Amino acid sequence: MSKALLRHLLGYAFVLAAGNAFAFGCGDLWSFVGRACSKAGAAWDHGDNELILTGYAYHLRSTYTEEKLRELNERAWGGGWARTIEDSDGDTHTLFAFGFHESHNKVQWNAGYLYSTYWGPQDSVRGGLGLATFFVQRPDIASGVPIPVILPIASLKYKKATLMATYIPTVNNGINNGSVLFLFGRFGF
């Protein structure tokens, strides 16, 4: 079995196993983790289906050489699926899985949980901030083994459409790595 096939099978297995992760008691966890666990379980069981579409990855120009920028893909096209529940105050809890063409035109898989809080009337455009905790699988990181990641999310939401952005920081203090603004969206149906 090739390494690439094995990596993809591991990624798919992770996504499929996510549904069984709620079998244990969420009440046994710290209160803030237990609440997120309960909401993730509710999203899986009762959430609305959403389509995720990805589209753009802006590489901060001061972090990359001109030569490297010419090599990089900024059209981060891809897609996936999510299930979201909304609290009475408009905050959302989302389980998601999606893939897209990352900076080197290889497929990056992501699966996890997103919490977002929003401000403003629910019948108008609302701004929000959130936190995503998820697993990332890329062939050029950790030999393709999924790794855990936590990233901030900023969003604009109107009814069932949400435009989101996150910032992937440079983690090794080097040039030609990280410092990417990633844009994507969720569309409920």
Protein backbone atom coordinates (compact mmCIF):
# COMPACT_ATOMS: atom_id res chain seq x y z
CA MET A 1 0.00 0.00 0.00
CA SER A 2 1.44 3.37 -0.94
CA LYS A 3 2.09 6.05 1.67
CA ALA A 4 -0.30 8.45 -0.09
CA LEU A 5 -3.14 5.92 -0.04
CA LEU A 6 -2.47 5.14 3.62
CA ARG A 7 -2.54 8.86 4.51
CA HIS A 8 -5.86 9.34 2.72
CA LEU A 9 -7.37 6.26 4.38
CA LEU A 10 -6.27 7.56 7.81
CA GLY A 11 -7.86 10.91 7.04
CA TYR A 12 -11.14 9.31 5.96
CA ALA A 13 -11.14 7.02 9.00
CA PHE A 14 -10.74 10.06 11.28
CA VAL A 15 -13.75 11.80 9.71
CA LEU A 16 -15.90 8.67 9.93
CA ALA A 17 -14.88 8.03 13.54
CA ALA A 18 -15.81 11.56 14.58
CA GLY A 19 -19.45 10.54 14.84
CA ASN A 20 -18.62 7.92 17.47
CA ALA A 21 -16.60 10.34 19.57
CA PHE A 22 -19.70 11.49 21.45
CA ALA A 23 -20.41 8.09 22.98
CA PHE A 24 -18.55 8.96 26.18
CA GLY A 25 -20.05 11.34 28.76
CA CYS A 26 -19.31 15.00 28.11
CA GLY A 27 -20.16 15.79 31.75
CA ASP A 28 -16.94 14.09 32.86
CA LEU A 29 -14.83 16.88 31.33
CA TRP A 30 -13.90 20.38 32.55
CA SER A 31 -16.95 22.65 32.27
CA PHE A 32 -15.84 24.62 29.20
CA VAL A 33 -14.67 21.45 27.41
CA GLY A 34 -17.81 19.59 28.49
CA ARG A 35 -20.04 22.35 27.06
CA ALA A 36 -18.18 22.26 23.72
CA CYS A 37 -18.41 18.45 23.73
CA SER A 38 -22.18 18.57 24.35
CA LYS A 39 -22.68 21.19 21.63
CA ALA A 40 -20.54 19.19 19.17
CA GLY A 41 -22.68 16.13 19.89
CA ALA A 42 -25.85 18.19 19.36
CA ALA A 43 -24.47 19.53 16.07
CA TRP A 44 -23.82 15.97 14.90
CA ASP A 45 -27.26 14.72 15.97
CA HIS A 46 -29.47 17.75 15.21
CA GLY A 47 -27.40 20.27 13.24
CA ASP A 48 -28.28 21.82 9.91
CA ASN A 49 -26.26 20.61 6.92
CA GLU A 50 -23.92 23.10 5.31
CA LEU A 51 -21.68 23.15 2.27
CA ILE A 52 -18.14 24.46 2.80
CA LEU A 53 -16.40 26.14 -0.12
CA THR A 54 -12.80 27.30 0.07
CA GLY A 55 -11.20 29.76 -2.26
CA TYR A 56 -8.27 31.95 -1.36
CA ALA A 57 -5.02 31.80 0.63
CA TYR A 58 -3.12 35.10 0.80
CA HIS A 59 0.57 34.65 1.65
CA LEU A 60 1.87 37.68 3.55
CA ARG A 61 4.34 39.25 1.14
CA SER A 62 6.87 40.27 3.78
CA THR A 63 7.27 36.65 4.90
CA TYR A 64 8.09 35.12 1.49
CA THR A 65 10.72 35.72 -1.15
CA GLU A 66 9.52 36.76 -4.62
CA GLU A 67 10.79 33.48 -6.00
CA LYS A 68 8.82 31.44 -3.44
CA LEU A 69 5.66 33.50 -4.00
CA ARG A 70 5.75 32.59 -7.70
CA GLU A 71 5.73 28.89 -6.74
CA LEU A 72 2.81 29.09 -4.31
CA ASN A 73 -0.86 28.42 -5.00
CA GLU A 74 -3.20 31.10 -3.66
CA ARG A 75 -6.32 29.62 -5.30
CA ALA A 76 -7.10 27.29 -2.43
CA TRP A 77 -10.13 25.70 -4.05
CA GLY A 78 -11.90 22.90 -2.30
CA GLY A 79 -15.00 21.95 -0.41
CA GLY A 80 -16.58 19.92 2.31
CA TRP A 81 -19.47 19.44 4.64
CA ALA A 82 -20.52 20.76 8.05
CA ARG A 83 -23.30 20.41 10.59
CA THR A 84 -24.14 23.48 12.67
CA ILE A 85 -26.47 24.27 15.54
CA GLU A 86 -27.27 27.81 16.64
CA ASP A 87 -27.90 28.85 20.25
CA SER A 88 -30.79 31.16 21.14
CA ASP A 89 -28.29 34.06 21.33
CA GLY A 90 -27.02 33.34 17.80
CA ASP A 91 -23.72 31.66 18.70
CA THR A 92 -22.92 28.65 16.51
CA HIS A 93 -21.32 25.25 17.08
CA THR A 94 -20.08 23.46 13.97
CA LEU A 95 -18.57 20.09 13.14
CA PHE A 96 -16.76 20.16 9.82
CA ALA A 97 -14.68 18.18 7.36
CA PHE A 98 -13.22 19.62 4.18
CA GLY A 99 -10.31 19.42 1.81
CA PHE A 100 -8.65 21.98 -0.43
CA HIS A 101 -5.58 22.58 -2.57
CA GLU A 102 -3.02 24.08 -0.21
CA SER A 103 -0.07 26.33 -1.06
CA HIS A 104 1.85 23.55 -2.83
CA ASN A 105 -1.18 22.28 -4.80
CA LYS A 106 -1.50 19.17 -2.65
CA VAL A 107 -4.77 18.27 -0.91
CA GLN A 108 -5.02 19.30 2.74
CA TRP A 109 -7.73 17.64 4.85
CA ASN A 110 -9.30 19.29 7.91
CA ALA A 111 -11.85 17.90 10.39
CA GLY A 112 -12.94 19.37 13.70
CA TYR A 113 -15.12 21.72 15.75
CA LEU A 114 -15.74 25.47 15.44
CA TYR A 115 -17.37 27.77 18.00
CA SER A 116 -18.37 31.28 16.89
CA THR A 117 -20.07 34.12 18.71
CA TYR A 118 -21.84 36.90 16.78
CA TRP A 119 -22.91 40.47 17.43
CA GLY A 120 -25.85 42.37 16.00
CA PRO A 121 -29.46 41.56 15.15
CA GLN A 122 -29.98 38.03 13.81
CA ASP A 123 -31.86 39.29 10.72
CA SER A 124 -28.95 41.40 9.41
CA VAL A 125 -25.27 41.01 8.57
CA ARG A 126 -23.43 40.09 11.76
CA GLY A 127 -19.75 40.02 12.61
CA GLY A 128 -18.33 37.21 14.66
CA LEU A 129 -15.24 35.75 16.26
CA GLY A 130 -14.53 32.16 17.08
CA LEU A 131 -12.08 29.40 17.68
CA ALA A 132 -11.59 26.24 15.62
CA THR A 133 -10.01 23.10 17.03
CA PHE A 134 -9.33 20.49 14.40
CA PHE A 135 -6.99 17.98 12.83
CA VAL A 136 -4.99 18.80 9.70
CA GLN A 137 -3.52 16.24 7.35
CA ARG A 138 -0.91 17.47 4.86
CA PRO A 139 1.72 15.42 3.06
CA ASP A 140 4.50 17.91 3.94
CA ILE A 141 3.80 18.09 7.70
CA ALA A 142 4.46 15.24 10.16
CA SER A 143 4.91 12.76 7.28
CA GLY A 144 1.20 13.10 6.49
CA VAL A 145 -0.03 12.06 9.95
CA PRO A 146 -3.00 14.24 11.09
CA ILE A 147 -1.94 16.83 13.69
CA PRO A 148 -4.11 18.92 16.06
CA VAL A 149 -4.46 22.65 15.38
CA ILE A 150 -6.23 25.58 17.09
CA LEU A 151 -6.87 28.75 15.06
CA PRO A 152 -8.91 31.93 15.51
CA ILE A 153 -11.78 32.58 13.09
CA ALA A 154 -13.34 35.91 12.07
CA SER A 155 -16.63 35.83 10.19
CA LEU A 156 -19.44 37.76 8.56
CA LYS A 157 -22.80 35.99 8.63
CA TYR A 158 -26.06 36.71 6.84
CA LYS A 159 -28.86 34.22 7.41
CA LYS A 160 -27.46 30.84 6.23
CA ALA A 161 -24.32 32.18 4.51
CA THR A 162 -21.08 32.78 6.41
CA LEU A 163 -17.81 34.16 5.06
CA MET A 164 -14.90 33.20 7.30
CA ALA A 165 -11.20 33.97 7.56
CA THR A 166 -8.36 32.61 9.65
CA TYR A 167 -4.69 33.42 9.97
CA ILE A 168 -2.07 30.67 9.91
CA PRO A 169 1.01 32.06 11.69
CA THR A 170 4.65 31.33 11.00
CA VAL A 171 5.63 28.63 13.49
CA ASN A 172 9.35 28.23 12.86
CA ASN A 173 10.41 31.91 12.68
CA GLY A 174 11.75 31.22 9.20
CA ILE A 175 11.10 32.78 5.85
CA ASN A 176 8.81 31.11 3.28
CA ASN A 177 6.60 29.46 5.91
CA GLY A 178 3.22 30.33 7.43
CA SER A 179 1.76 33.85 7.62
CA VAL A 180 -1.25 32.94 5.47
CA LEU A 181 -4.72 34.51 5.49
CA PHE A 182 -7.21 31.79 4.48
CA LEU A 183 -10.74 32.62 3.26
CA PHE A 184 -13.63 30.17 3.06
CA GLY A 185 -17.39 30.04 3.48
CA ARG A 186 -20.30 27.97 4.81
CA PHE A 187 -23.69 27.82 3.14
CA GLY A 188 -26.66 26.23 4.92
CA PHE A 189 -29.34 24.24 3.15
